[in-house]
PDB file of all heavy atoms in Angstrom:
ATOM      1  N   GLU A   1       0.065   6.379  -8.433  1.00  0.00           N
ATOM      2  CA  GLU A   1       0.560   6.461  -9.812  1.00  0.00           C
ATOM      3  C   GLU A   1       1.038   7.877 -10.134  1.00  0.00           C
ATOM      4  O   GLU A   1       2.042   8.073 -10.829  1.00  0.00           O
ATOM      5  CB  GLU A   1      -0.547   6.087 -10.802  1.00  0.00           C
ATOM      6  CG  GLU A   1      -0.892   4.621 -10.871  1.00  0.00           C
ATOM      7  CD  GLU A   1      -2.006   4.365 -11.882  1.00  0.00           C
ATOM      8  OE1 GLU A   1      -2.305   5.279 -12.681  1.00  0.00           O
ATOM      9  OE2 GLU A   1      -2.587   3.267 -11.862  1.00  0.00           O
ATOM     10  N   ILE A   2       0.320   8.853  -9.625  1.00  0.00           N
ATOM     11  CA  ILE A   2       0.612  10.254  -9.939  1.00  0.00           C
ATOM     12  C   ILE A   2       1.739  10.796  -9.077  1.00  0.00           C
ATOM     13  O   ILE A   2       2.644  11.493  -9.573  1.00  0.00           O
ATOM     14  CB  ILE A   2      -0.659  11.109  -9.750  1.00  0.00           C
ATOM     15  CG1 ILE A   2      -1.765  10.647 -10.703  1.00  0.00           C
ATOM     16  CG2 ILE A   2      -0.365  12.600  -9.944  1.00  0.00           C
ATOM     17  CD1 ILE A   2      -3.155  11.083 -10.277  1.00  0.00           C
ATOM     18  N   CYS A   3       1.719  10.482  -7.780  1.00  0.00           N
ATOM     19  CA  CYS A   3       2.569  11.180  -6.808  1.00  0.00           C
ATOM     20  C   CYS A   3       3.727  10.360  -6.247  1.00  0.00           C
ATOM     21  O   CYS A   3       4.670  10.943  -5.707  1.00  0.00           O
ATOM     22  CB  CYS A   3       1.711  11.666  -5.640  1.00  0.00           C
ATOM     23  SG  CYS A   3       0.391  12.809  -6.098  1.00  0.00           S
ATOM     24  N   GLY A   4       3.648   9.044  -6.321  1.00  0.00           N
ATOM     25  CA  GLY A   4       4.685   8.219  -5.733  1.00  0.00           C
ATOM     26  C   GLY A   4       4.163   7.430  -4.545  1.00  0.00           C
ATOM     27  O   GLY A   4       2.971   7.463  -4.231  1.00  0.00           O
ATOM     28  N   PRO A   5       5.049   6.702  -3.846  1.00  0.00           N
ATOM     29  CA  PRO A   5       4.608   5.805  -2.761  1.00  0.00           C
ATOM     30  C   PRO A   5       3.888   6.530  -1.627  1.00  0.00           C
ATOM     31  O   PRO A   5       4.258   7.642  -1.249  1.00  0.00           O
ATOM     32  CB  PRO A   5       5.922   5.180  -2.277  1.00  0.00           C
ATOM     33  CG  PRO A   5       6.879   5.346  -3.413  1.00  0.00           C
ATOM     34  CD  PRO A   5       6.491   6.620  -4.086  1.00  0.00           C
ATOM     35  N   TYR A   6       2.882   5.865  -1.079  1.00  0.00           N
ATOM     36  CA  TYR A   6       2.145   6.357   0.086  1.00  0.00           C
ATOM     37  C   TYR A   6       2.946   5.995   1.336  1.00  0.00           C
ATOM     38  O   TYR A   6       3.289   4.833   1.543  1.00  0.00           O
ATOM     39  CB  TYR A   6       0.755   5.721   0.124  1.00  0.00           C
ATOM     40  CG  TYR A   6      -0.116   6.168   1.268  1.00  0.00           C
ATOM     41  CD1 TYR A   6      -0.768   7.387   1.222  1.00  0.00           C
ATOM     42  CD2 TYR A   6      -0.292   5.368   2.401  1.00  0.00           C
ATOM     43  CE1 TYR A   6      -1.577   7.809   2.270  1.00  0.00           C
ATOM     44  CE2 TYR A   6      -1.106   5.774   3.446  1.00  0.00           C
ATOM     45  CZ  TYR A   6      -1.738   6.997   3.379  1.00  0.00           C
ATOM     46  OH  TYR A   6      -2.535   7.413   4.412  1.00  0.00           O
ATOM     47  N   VAL A   7       3.257   6.976   2.210  1.00  0.00           N
ATOM     48  CA  VAL A   7       4.210   6.746   3.299  1.00  0.00           C
ATOM     49  C   VAL A   7       3.570   6.661   4.685  1.00  0.00           C
ATOM     50  O   VAL A   7       4.284   6.450   5.674  1.00  0.00           O
ATOM     51  CB  VAL A   7       5.285   7.861   3.315  1.00  0.00           C
ATOM     52  CG1 VAL A   7       5.981   7.964   1.977  1.00  0.00           C
ATOM     53  CG2 VAL A   7       4.687   9.213   3.735  1.00  0.00           C
ATOM     54  N   TRP A   8       2.259   6.795   4.784  1.00  0.00           N
ATOM     55  CA  TRP A   8       1.638   6.996   6.092  1.00  0.00           C
ATOM     56  C   TRP A   8       1.140   5.719   6.757  1.00  0.00           C
ATOM     57  O   TRP A   8       0.632   5.769   7.877  1.00  0.00           O
ATOM     58  CB  TRP A   8       0.491   8.006   5.970  1.00  0.00           C
ATOM     59  CG  TRP A   8       0.952   9.331   5.445  1.00  0.00           C
ATOM     60  CD1 TRP A   8       0.981   9.733   4.141  1.00  0.00           C
ATOM     61  CD2 TRP A   8       1.497  10.414   6.204  1.00  0.00           C
ATOM     62  NE1 TRP A   8       1.499  11.007   4.033  1.00  0.00           N
ATOM     63  CE2 TRP A   8       1.822  11.450   5.288  1.00  0.00           C
ATOM     64  CE3 TRP A   8       1.736  10.615   7.559  1.00  0.00           C
ATOM     65  CZ2 TRP A   8       2.376  12.659   5.703  1.00  0.00           C
ATOM     66  CZ3 TRP A   8       2.293  11.834   7.961  1.00  0.00           C
ATOM     67  CH2 TRP A   8       2.598  12.828   7.044  1.00  0.00           C
ATOM     68  N   GLY A   9       1.251   4.589   6.103  1.00  0.00           N
ATOM     69  CA  GLY A   9       0.885   3.318   6.730  1.00  0.00           C
ATOM     70  C   GLY A   9      -0.589   2.983   6.654  1.00  0.00           C
ATOM     71  O   GLY A   9      -0.980   1.973   6.076  1.00  0.00           O
ATOM     72  N   ARG A  10      -1.428   3.819   7.263  1.00  0.00           N
ATOM     73  CA  ARG A  10      -2.880   3.628   7.249  1.00  0.00           C
ATOM     74  C   ARG A  10      -3.527   4.786   6.489  1.00  0.00           C
ATOM     75  O   ARG A  10      -3.021   5.898   6.458  1.00  0.00           O
ATOM     76  CB  ARG A  10      -3.454   3.627   8.670  1.00  0.00           C
ATOM     77  CG  ARG A  10      -3.094   2.446   9.530  1.00  0.00           C
ATOM     78  CD  ARG A  10      -3.778   1.175   9.089  1.00  0.00           C
ATOM     79  NE  ARG A  10      -5.248   1.283   9.056  1.00  0.00           N
ATOM     80  CZ  ARG A  10      -6.037   0.315   8.564  1.00  0.00           C
ATOM     81  NH1 ARG A  10      -5.507  -0.800   8.072  1.00  0.00           N
ATOM     82  NH2 ARG A  10      -7.339   0.462   8.573  1.00  0.00           N
ATOM     83  N   TYR A  11      -4.687   4.479   5.869  1.00  0.00           N
ATOM     84  CA  TYR A  11      -5.547   5.558   5.369  1.00  0.00           C
ATOM     85  C   TYR A  11      -6.979   5.218   5.755  1.00  0.00           C
ATOM     86  O   TYR A  11      -7.678   4.463   5.064  1.00  0.00           O
ATOM     87  CB  TYR A  11      -5.454   5.774   3.859  1.00  0.00           C
ATOM     88  CG  TYR A  11      -6.288   6.983   3.465  1.00  0.00           C
ATOM     89  CD1 TYR A  11      -5.773   8.255   3.624  1.00  0.00           C
ATOM     90  CD2 TYR A  11      -7.615   6.847   3.064  1.00  0.00           C
ATOM     91  CE1 TYR A  11      -6.542   9.374   3.370  1.00  0.00           C
ATOM     92  CE2 TYR A  11      -8.396   7.964   2.801  1.00  0.00           C
ATOM     93  CZ  TYR A  11      -7.846   9.224   2.960  1.00  0.00           C
ATOM     94  OH  TYR A  11      -8.631  10.337   2.722  1.00  0.00           O
ATOM     95  N   ASP A  12      -7.410   5.733   6.900  1.00  0.00           N
ATOM     96  CA  ASP A  12      -8.768   5.517   7.386  1.00  0.00           C
ATOM     97  C   ASP A  12      -9.597   6.786   7.198  1.00  0.00           C
ATOM     98  O   ASP A  12      -9.062   7.894   7.108  1.00  0.00           O
ATOM     99  CB  ASP A  12      -8.766   5.135   8.868  1.00  0.00           C
ATOM    100  CG  ASP A  12      -8.234   3.734   9.122  1.00  0.00           C
ATOM    101  OD1 ASP A  12      -8.008   2.995   8.130  1.00  0.00           O
ATOM    102  OD2 ASP A  12      -8.024   3.384  10.295  1.00  0.00           O
ATOM    103  N   LEU A  13     -10.913   6.599   7.160  1.00  0.00           N
ATOM    104  CA  LEU A  13     -11.869   7.704   7.065  1.00  0.00           C
ATOM    105  C   LEU A  13     -12.723   7.726   8.322  1.00  0.00           C
ATOM    106  O   LEU A  13     -13.095   6.666   8.854  1.00  0.00           O
ATOM    107  CB  LEU A  13     -12.784   7.532   5.853  1.00  0.00           C
ATOM    108  CG  LEU A  13     -12.150   7.635   4.468  1.00  0.00           C
ATOM    109  CD1 LEU A  13     -13.129   7.121   3.411  1.00  0.00           C
ATOM    110  CD2 LEU A  13     -11.772   9.074   4.164  1.00  0.00           C
ATOM    111  N   LEU A  14     -13.051   8.916   8.772  1.00  0.00           N
ATOM    112  CA  LEU A  14     -13.975   9.088   9.890  1.00  0.00           C
ATOM    113  C   LEU A  14     -15.111   9.988   9.444  1.00  0.00           C
ATOM    114  O   LEU A  14     -14.880  11.135   9.048  1.00  0.00           O
ATOM    115  CB  LEU A  14     -13.259   9.719  11.085  1.00  0.00           C
ATOM    116  CG  LEU A  14     -14.154  10.135  12.255  1.00  0.00           C
ATOM    117  CD1 LEU A  14     -14.784   8.915  12.913  1.00  0.00           C
ATOM    118  CD2 LEU A  14     -13.368  10.947  13.278  1.00  0.00           C
ATOM    119  N   VAL A  15     -16.336   9.484   9.465  1.00  0.00           N
ATOM    120  CA  VAL A  15     -17.510  10.288   9.129  1.00  0.00           C
ATOM    121  C   VAL A  15     -17.900  11.082  10.372  1.00  0.00           C
ATOM    122  O   VAL A  15     -18.218  10.524  11.413  1.00  0.00           O
ATOM    123  CB  VAL A  15     -18.672   9.408   8.645  1.00  0.00           C
ATOM    124  CG1 VAL A  15     -19.892  10.277   8.328  1.00  0.00           C
ATOM    125  CG2 VAL A  15     -18.245   8.612   7.411  1.00  0.00           C
ATOM    126  N   MET A  16     -17.870  12.392  10.230  1.00  0.00           N
ATOM    127  CA  MET A  16     -17.981  13.295  11.363  1.00  0.00           C
ATOM    128  C   MET A  16     -19.438  13.625  11.690  1.00  0.00           C
ATOM    129  O   MET A  16     -20.340  13.408  10.873  1.00  0.00           O
ATOM    130  CB  MET A  16     -17.239  14.592  11.039  1.00  0.00           C
ATOM    131  CG  MET A  16     -15.769  14.390  10.720  1.00  0.00           C
ATOM    132  SD  MET A  16     -14.844  13.760  12.121  1.00  0.00           S
ATOM    133  CE  MET A  16     -14.792  15.227  13.151  1.00  0.00           C
ATOM    134  N   PRO A  17     -19.674  14.249  12.834  1.00  0.00           N
ATOM    135  CA  PRO A  17     -20.992  14.820  13.124  1.00  0.00           C
ATOM    136  C   PRO A  17     -21.271  16.012  12.196  1.00  0.00           C
ATOM    137  O   PRO A  17     -20.347  16.585  11.608  1.00  0.00           O
ATOM    138  CB  PRO A  17     -20.877  15.268  14.581  1.00  0.00           C
ATOM    139  CG  PRO A  17     -19.723  14.512  15.144  1.00  0.00           C
ATOM    140  CD  PRO A  17     -18.766  14.320  13.995  1.00  0.00           C
ATOM    141  N   PRO A  18     -22.535  16.424  12.090  1.00  0.00           N
ATOM    142  CA  PRO A  18     -22.891  17.531  11.174  1.00  0.00           C
ATOM    143  C   PRO A  18     -22.231  18.858  11.503  1.00  0.00           C
ATOM    144  O   PRO A  18     -22.176  19.742  10.646  1.00  0.00           O
ATOM    145  CB  PRO A  18     -24.416  17.632  11.314  1.00  0.00           C
ATOM    146  CG  PRO A  18     -24.851  16.288  11.794  1.00  0.00           C
ATOM    147  CD  PRO A  18     -23.735  15.799  12.675  1.00  0.00           C
ATOM    148  N   SER A  19     -21.719  19.039  12.717  1.00  0.00           N
ATOM    149  CA  SER A  19     -21.104  20.318  13.076  1.00  0.00           C
ATOM    150  C   SER A  19     -19.685  20.461  12.532  1.00  0.00           C
ATOM    151  O   SER A  19     -19.097  21.543  12.649  1.00  0.00           O
ATOM    152  CB  SER A  19     -21.079  20.485  14.604  1.00  0.00           C
ATOM    153  OG  SER A  19     -20.489  19.368  15.227  1.00  0.00           O
ATOM    154  N   PHE A  20     -19.143  19.416  11.926  1.00  0.00           N
ATOM    155  CA  PHE A  20     -17.812  19.533  11.323  1.00  0.00           C
ATOM    156  C   PHE A  20     -17.860  20.585  10.219  1.00  0.00           C
ATOM    157  O   PHE A  20     -18.717  20.526   9.338  1.00  0.00           O
ATOM    158  CB  PHE A  20     -17.379  18.180  10.767  1.00  0.00           C
ATOM    159  CG  PHE A  20     -15.999  18.165  10.177  1.00  0.00           C
ATOM    160  CD1 PHE A  20     -14.900  18.462  10.966  1.00  0.00           C
ATOM    161  CD2 PHE A  20     -15.798  17.866   8.841  1.00  0.00           C
ATOM    162  CE1 PHE A  20     -13.622  18.456  10.436  1.00  0.00           C
ATOM    163  CE2 PHE A  20     -14.529  17.855   8.303  1.00  0.00           C
ATOM    164  CZ  PHE A  20     -13.426  18.146   9.100  1.00  0.00           C
ATOM    165  N   PRO A  21     -16.949  21.591  10.235  1.00  0.00           N
ATOM    166  CA  PRO A  21     -17.132  22.769   9.377  1.00  0.00           C
ATOM    167  C   PRO A  21     -16.603  22.655   7.947  1.00  0.00           C
ATOM    168  O   PRO A  21     -16.812  23.567   7.157  1.00  0.00           O
ATOM    169  CB  PRO A  21     -16.374  23.869  10.131  1.00  0.00           C
ATOM    170  CG  PRO A  21     -15.285  23.135  10.843  1.00  0.00           C
ATOM    171  CD  PRO A  21     -15.871  21.798  11.219  1.00  0.00           C
ATOM    172  N   PHE A  22     -15.913  21.555   7.621  1.00  0.00           N
ATOM    173  CA  PHE A  22     -15.309  21.443   6.296  1.00  0.00           C
ATOM    174  C   PHE A  22     -15.814  20.204   5.573  1.00  0.00           C
ATOM    175  O   PHE A  22     -16.428  19.322   6.173  1.00  0.00           O
ATOM    176  CB  PHE A  22     -13.786  21.392   6.414  1.00  0.00           C
ATOM    177  CG  PHE A  22     -13.180  22.607   7.044  1.00  0.00           C
ATOM    178  CD1 PHE A  22     -12.676  22.574   8.335  1.00  0.00           C
ATOM    179  CD2 PHE A  22     -13.118  23.799   6.353  1.00  0.00           C
ATOM    180  CE1 PHE A  22     -12.127  23.698   8.922  1.00  0.00           C
ATOM    181  CE2 PHE A  22     -12.575  24.945   6.927  1.00  0.00           C
ATOM    182  CZ  PHE A  22     -12.081  24.884   8.217  1.00  0.00           C
ATOM    183  N   GLY A  23     -15.521  20.144   4.265  1.00  0.00           N
ATOM    184  CA  GLY A  23     -15.863  18.939   3.513  1.00  0.00           C
ATOM    185  C   GLY A  23     -15.042  17.763   3.966  1.00  0.00           C
ATOM    186  O   GLY A  23     -15.527  16.640   4.081  1.00  0.00           O
ATOM    187  N   GLY A  24     -13.782  18.023   4.229  1.00  0.00           N
ATOM    188  CA  GLY A  24     -12.889  16.990   4.731  1.00  0.00           C
ATOM    189  C   GLY A  24     -11.683  17.641   5.370  1.00  0.00           C
ATOM    190  O   GLY A  24     -11.395  18.817   5.154  1.00  0.00           O
ATOM    191  N   MET A  25     -10.970  16.883   6.179  1.00  0.00           N
ATOM    192  CA  MET A  25      -9.716  17.348   6.775  1.00  0.00           C
ATOM    193  C   MET A  25      -8.730  16.202   6.718  1.00  0.00           C
ATOM    194  O   MET A  25      -8.992  15.111   7.218  1.00  0.00           O
ATOM    195  CB  MET A  25      -9.934  17.817   8.215  1.00  0.00           C
ATOM    196  CG  MET A  25      -8.660  18.340   8.869  1.00  0.00           C
ATOM    197  SD  MET A  25      -7.985  19.776   7.981  1.00  0.00           S
ATOM    198  CE  MET A  25      -6.235  19.570   8.292  1.00  0.00           C
ATOM    199  N   GLU A  26      -7.579  16.494   6.118  1.00  0.00           N
ATOM    200  CA  GLU A  26      -6.624  15.479   5.724  1.00  0.00           C
ATOM    201  C   GLU A  26      -5.724  15.002   6.847  1.00  0.00           C
ATOM    202  O   GLU A  26      -4.520  14.748   6.650  1.00  0.00           O
ATOM    203  CB  GLU A  26      -5.773  16.029   4.578  1.00  0.00           C
ATOM    204  CG  GLU A  26      -4.916  17.247   4.912  1.00  0.00           C
ATOM    205  CD  GLU A  26      -5.587  18.602   4.763  1.00  0.00           C
ATOM    206  OE1 GLU A  26      -6.833  18.639   4.676  1.00  0.00           O
ATOM    207  OE2 GLU A  26      -4.880  19.620   4.729  1.00  0.00           O
ATOM    208  N   ASN A  27      -6.245  14.852   8.063  1.00  0.00           N
ATOM    209  CA  ASN A  27      -5.425  14.394   9.171  1.00  0.00           C
ATOM    210  C   ASN A  27      -4.739  13.078   8.810  1.00  0.00           C
ATOM    211  O   ASN A  27      -5.402  12.135   8.376  1.00  0.00           O
ATOM    212  CB  ASN A  27      -6.293  14.208  10.418  1.00  0.00           C
ATOM    213  CG  ASN A  27      -7.010  15.477  10.811  1.00  0.00           C
ATOM    214  OD1 ASN A  27      -6.401  16.533  10.938  1.00  0.00           O
ATOM    215  ND2 ASN A  27      -8.316  15.397  10.978  1.00  0.00           N
ATOM    216  N   PRO A  28      -3.429  12.976   8.965  1.00  0.00           N
ATOM    217  CA  PRO A  28      -2.715  11.772   8.538  1.00  0.00           C
ATOM    218  C   PRO A  28      -3.272  10.514   9.205  1.00  0.00           C
ATOM    219  O   PRO A  28      -3.590  10.515  10.404  1.00  0.00           O
ATOM    220  CB  PRO A  28      -1.281  12.035   8.993  1.00  0.00           C
ATOM    221  CG  PRO A  28      -1.173  13.513   9.079  1.00  0.00           C
ATOM    222  CD  PRO A  28      -2.515  13.995   9.508  1.00  0.00           C
ATOM    223  N   CYS A  29      -3.399   9.480   8.422  1.00  0.00           N
ATOM    224  CA  CYS A  29      -3.883   8.172   8.874  1.00  0.00           C
ATOM    225  C   CYS A  29      -5.381   8.166   9.172  1.00  0.00           C
ATOM    226  O   CYS A  29      -5.972   7.089   9.291  1.00  0.00           O
ATOM    227  CB  CYS A  29      -3.136   7.664  10.112  1.00  0.00           C
ATOM    228  SG  CYS A  29      -1.346   7.660   9.944  1.00  0.00           S
ATOM    229  N   LEU A  30      -6.010   9.329   9.296  1.00  0.00           N
ATOM    230  CA  LEU A  30      -7.422   9.387   9.677  1.00  0.00           C
ATOM    231  C   LEU A  30      -8.068  10.643   9.101  1.00  0.00           C
ATOM    232  O   LEU A  30      -8.182  11.671   9.768  1.00  0.00           O
ATOM    233  CB  LEU A  30      -7.569   9.374  11.200  1.00  0.00           C
ATOM    234  CG  LEU A  30      -9.007   9.302  11.736  1.00  0.00           C
ATOM    235  CD1 LEU A  30      -9.632   7.942  11.429  1.00  0.00           C
ATOM    236  CD2 LEU A  30      -9.043   9.578  13.241  1.00  0.00           C
ATOM    237  N   THR A  31      -8.500  10.579   7.851  1.00  0.00           N
ATOM    238  CA  THR A  31      -9.191  11.710   7.223  1.00  0.00           C
ATOM    239  C   THR A  31     -10.576  11.887   7.841  1.00  0.00           C
ATOM    240  O   THR A  31     -11.346  10.932   7.971  1.00  0.00           O
ATOM    241  CB  THR A  31      -9.325  11.466   5.713  1.00  0.00           C
ATOM    242  OG1 THR A  31      -8.071  11.740   5.084  1.00  0.00           O
ATOM    243  CG2 THR A  31     -10.374  12.374   5.090  1.00  0.00           C
ATOM    244  N   PHE A  32     -10.890  13.121   8.237  1.00  0.00           N
ATOM    245  CA  PHE A  32     -12.235  13.466   8.684  1.00  0.00           C
ATOM    246  C   PHE A  32     -13.055  13.892   7.463  1.00  0.00           C
ATOM    247  O   PHE A  32     -12.573  14.682   6.641  1.00  0.00           O
ATOM    248  CB  PHE A  32     -12.195  14.660   9.650  1.00  0.00           C
ATOM    249  CG  PHE A  32     -11.604  14.383  11.005  1.00  0.00           C
ATOM    250  CD1 PHE A  32     -11.041  13.156  11.324  1.00  0.00           C
ATOM    251  CD2 PHE A  32     -11.608  15.370  11.987  1.00  0.00           C
ATOM    252  CE1 PHE A  32     -10.501  12.917  12.584  1.00  0.00           C
ATOM    253  CE2 PHE A  32     -11.067  15.151  13.244  1.00  0.00           C
ATOM    254  CZ  PHE A  32     -10.513  13.925  13.549  1.00  0.00           C
ATOM    255  N   VAL A  33     -14.287  13.409   7.340  1.00  0.00           N
ATOM    256  CA  VAL A  33     -15.163  13.832   6.248  1.00  0.00           C
ATOM    257  C   VAL A  33     -16.540  14.198   6.786  1.00  0.00           C
ATOM    258  O   VAL A  33     -17.036  13.618   7.748  1.00  0.00           O
ATOM    259  CB  VAL A  33     -15.322  12.752   5.145  1.00  0.00           C
ATOM    260  CG1 VAL A  33     -14.026  12.568   4.379  1.00  0.00           C
ATOM    261  CG2 VAL A  33     -15.801  11.427   5.716  1.00  0.00           C
ATOM    262  N   THR A  34     -17.157  15.175   6.143  1.00  0.00           N
ATOM    263  CA  THR A  34     -18.484  15.635   6.525  1.00  0.00           C
ATOM    264  C   THR A  34     -19.543  14.599   6.163  1.00  0.00           C
ATOM    265  O   THR A  34     -19.453  13.939   5.118  1.00  0.00           O
ATOM    266  CB  THR A  34     -18.814  16.961   5.821  1.00  0.00           C
ATOM    267  OG1 THR A  34     -20.193  17.294   6.035  1.00  0.00           O
ATOM    268  CG2 THR A  34     -18.594  16.871   4.322  1.00  0.00           C
ATOM    269  N   PRO A  35     -20.584  14.463   6.984  1.00  0.00           N
ATOM    270  CA  PRO A  35     -21.675  13.558   6.617  1.00  0.00           C
ATOM    271  C   PRO A  35     -22.486  14.069   5.434  1.00  0.00           C
ATOM    272  O   PRO A  35     -23.287  13.313   4.872  1.00  0.00           O
ATOM    273  CB  PRO A  35     -22.529  13.490   7.896  1.00  0.00           C
ATOM    274  CG  PRO A  35     -22.233  14.767   8.619  1.00  0.00           C
ATOM    275  CD  PRO A  35     -20.792  15.061   8.323  1.00  0.00           C
ATOM    276  N   THR A  36     -22.276  15.327   5.025  1.00  0.00           N
ATOM    277  CA  THR A  36     -22.985  15.835   3.842  1.00  0.00           C
ATOM    278  C   THR A  36     -22.496  15.166   2.554  1.00  0.00           C
ATOM    279  O   THR A  36     -23.087  15.383   1.491  1.00  0.00           O
ATOM    280  CB  THR A  36     -22.843  17.363   3.708  1.00  0.00           C
ATOM    281  OG1 THR A  36     -21.470  17.701   3.517  1.00  0.00           O
ATOM    282  CG2 THR A  36     -23.383  18.073   4.933  1.00  0.00           C
ATOM    283  N   LEU A  37     -21.447  14.351   2.640  1.00  0.00           N
ATOM    284  CA  LEU A  37     -21.001  13.588   1.465  1.00  0.00           C
ATOM    285  C   LEU A  37     -21.828  12.327   1.241  1.00  0.00           C
ATOM    286  O   LEU A  37     -21.711  11.681   0.188  1.00  0.00           O
ATOM    287  CB  LEU A  37     -19.524  13.187   1.616  1.00  0.00           C
ATOM    288  CG  LEU A  37     -18.507  14.309   1.780  1.00  0.00           C
ATOM    289  CD1 LEU A  37     -17.101  13.719   1.813  1.00  0.00           C
ATOM    290  CD2 LEU A  37     -18.623  15.321   0.657  1.00  0.00           C
ATOM    291  N   LEU A  38     -22.656  11.954   2.208  1.00  0.00           N
ATOM    292  CA  LEU A  38     -23.445  10.726   2.100  1.00  0.00           C
ATOM    293  C   LEU A  38     -24.649  10.980   1.202  1.00  0.00           C
ATOM    294  O   LEU A  38     -25.779  11.143   1.652  1.00  0.00           O
ATOM    295  CB  LEU A  38     -23.874  10.253   3.493  1.00  0.00           C
ATOM    296  CG  LEU A  38     -22.722   9.915   4.459  1.00  0.00           C
ATOM    297  CD1 LEU A  38     -23.255   9.573   5.840  1.00  0.00           C
ATOM    298  CD2 LEU A  38     -21.865   8.776   3.909  1.00  0.00           C
ATOM    299  N   ALA A  39     -24.383  10.997  -0.099  1.00  0.00           N
ATOM    300  CA  ALA A  39     -25.414  11.325  -1.091  1.00  0.00           C
ATOM    301  C   ALA A  39     -26.193  10.103  -1.546  1.00  0.00           C
ATOM    302  O   ALA A  39     -27.225  10.233  -2.214  1.00  0.00           O
ATOM    303  CB  ALA A  39     -24.778  12.005  -2.296  1.00  0.00           C
ATOM    304  N   GLY A  40     -25.699   8.902  -1.243  1.00  0.00           N
ATOM    305  CA  GLY A  40     -26.392   7.687  -1.638  1.00  0.00           C
ATOM    306  C   GLY A  40     -26.005   7.152  -2.994  1.00  0.00           C
ATOM    307  O   GLY A  40     -26.399   6.035  -3.354  1.00  0.00           O
ATOM    308  N   ASP A  41     -25.229   7.927  -3.781  1.00  0.00           N
ATOM    309  CA  ASP A  41     -24.858   7.468  -5.123  1.00  0.00           C
ATOM    310  C   ASP A  41     -23.379   7.701  -5.424  1.00  0.00           C
ATOM    311  O   ASP A  41     -22.956   7.625  -6.580  1.00  0.00           O
ATOM    312  CB  ASP A  41     -25.714   8.184  -6.181  1.00  0.00           C
ATOM    313  CG  ASP A  41     -25.545   9.710  -6.150  1.00  0.00           C
ATOM    314  OD1 ASP A  41     -24.770  10.210  -5.304  1.00  0.00           O
ATOM    315  OD2 ASP A  41     -26.191  10.392  -6.963  1.00  0.00           O
ATOM    316  N   LYS A  42     -22.576   7.979  -4.385  1.00  0.00           N
ATOM    317  CA  LYS A  42     -21.130   8.210  -4.506  1.00  0.00           C
ATOM    318  C   LYS A  42     -20.790   9.443  -5.344  1.00  0.00           C
ATOM    319  O   LYS A  42     -19.638   9.636  -5.724  1.00  0.00           O
ATOM    320  CB  LYS A  42     -20.419   6.968  -5.079  1.00  0.00           C
ATOM    321  CG  LYS A  42     -20.692   5.690  -4.304  1.00  0.00           C
ATOM    322  CD  LYS A  42     -19.973   4.492  -4.909  1.00  0.00           C
ATOM    323  CE  LYS A  42     -20.391   3.217  -4.189  1.00  0.00           C
ATOM    324  NZ  LYS A  42     -19.762   2.016  -4.776  1.00  0.00           N
ATOM    325  N   SER A  43     -21.774  10.270  -5.618  1.00  0.00           N
ATOM    326  CA  SER A  43     -21.545  11.415  -6.498  1.00  0.00           C
ATOM    327  C   SER A  43     -20.658  12.477  -5.858  1.00  0.00           C
ATOM    328  O   SER A  43     -20.095  13.323  -6.562  1.00  0.00           O
ATOM    329  CB  SER A  43     -22.877  12.033  -6.927  1.00  0.00           C
ATOM    330  OG  SER A  43     -23.641  12.440  -5.804  1.00  0.00           O
ATOM    331  N   LEU A  44     -20.527  12.466  -4.534  1.00  0.00           N
ATOM    332  CA  LEU A  44     -19.700  13.460  -3.855  1.00  0.00           C
ATOM    333  C   LEU A  44     -18.425  12.852  -3.269  1.00  0.00           C
ATOM    334  O   LEU A  44     -17.684  13.512  -2.553  1.00  0.00           O
ATOM    335  CB  LEU A  44     -20.505  14.134  -2.736  1.00  0.00           C
ATOM    336  CG  LEU A  44     -21.813  14.806  -3.169  1.00  0.00           C
ATOM    337  CD1 LEU A  44     -22.531  15.419  -1.975  1.00  0.00           C
ATOM    338  CD2 LEU A  44     -21.556  15.869  -4.238  1.00  0.00           C
TER     339      LEU A  44
END
């Protein structure tokens, strides 16, 4: 709604091992996310 059509085909998430150094990494089609986001209440 804000930016226009999504052009990348897929949007998957990969929950990384704890050694991943960032909160997330926007790799196209496959976003990497830190397991520190698993708060149990979707708050992060």
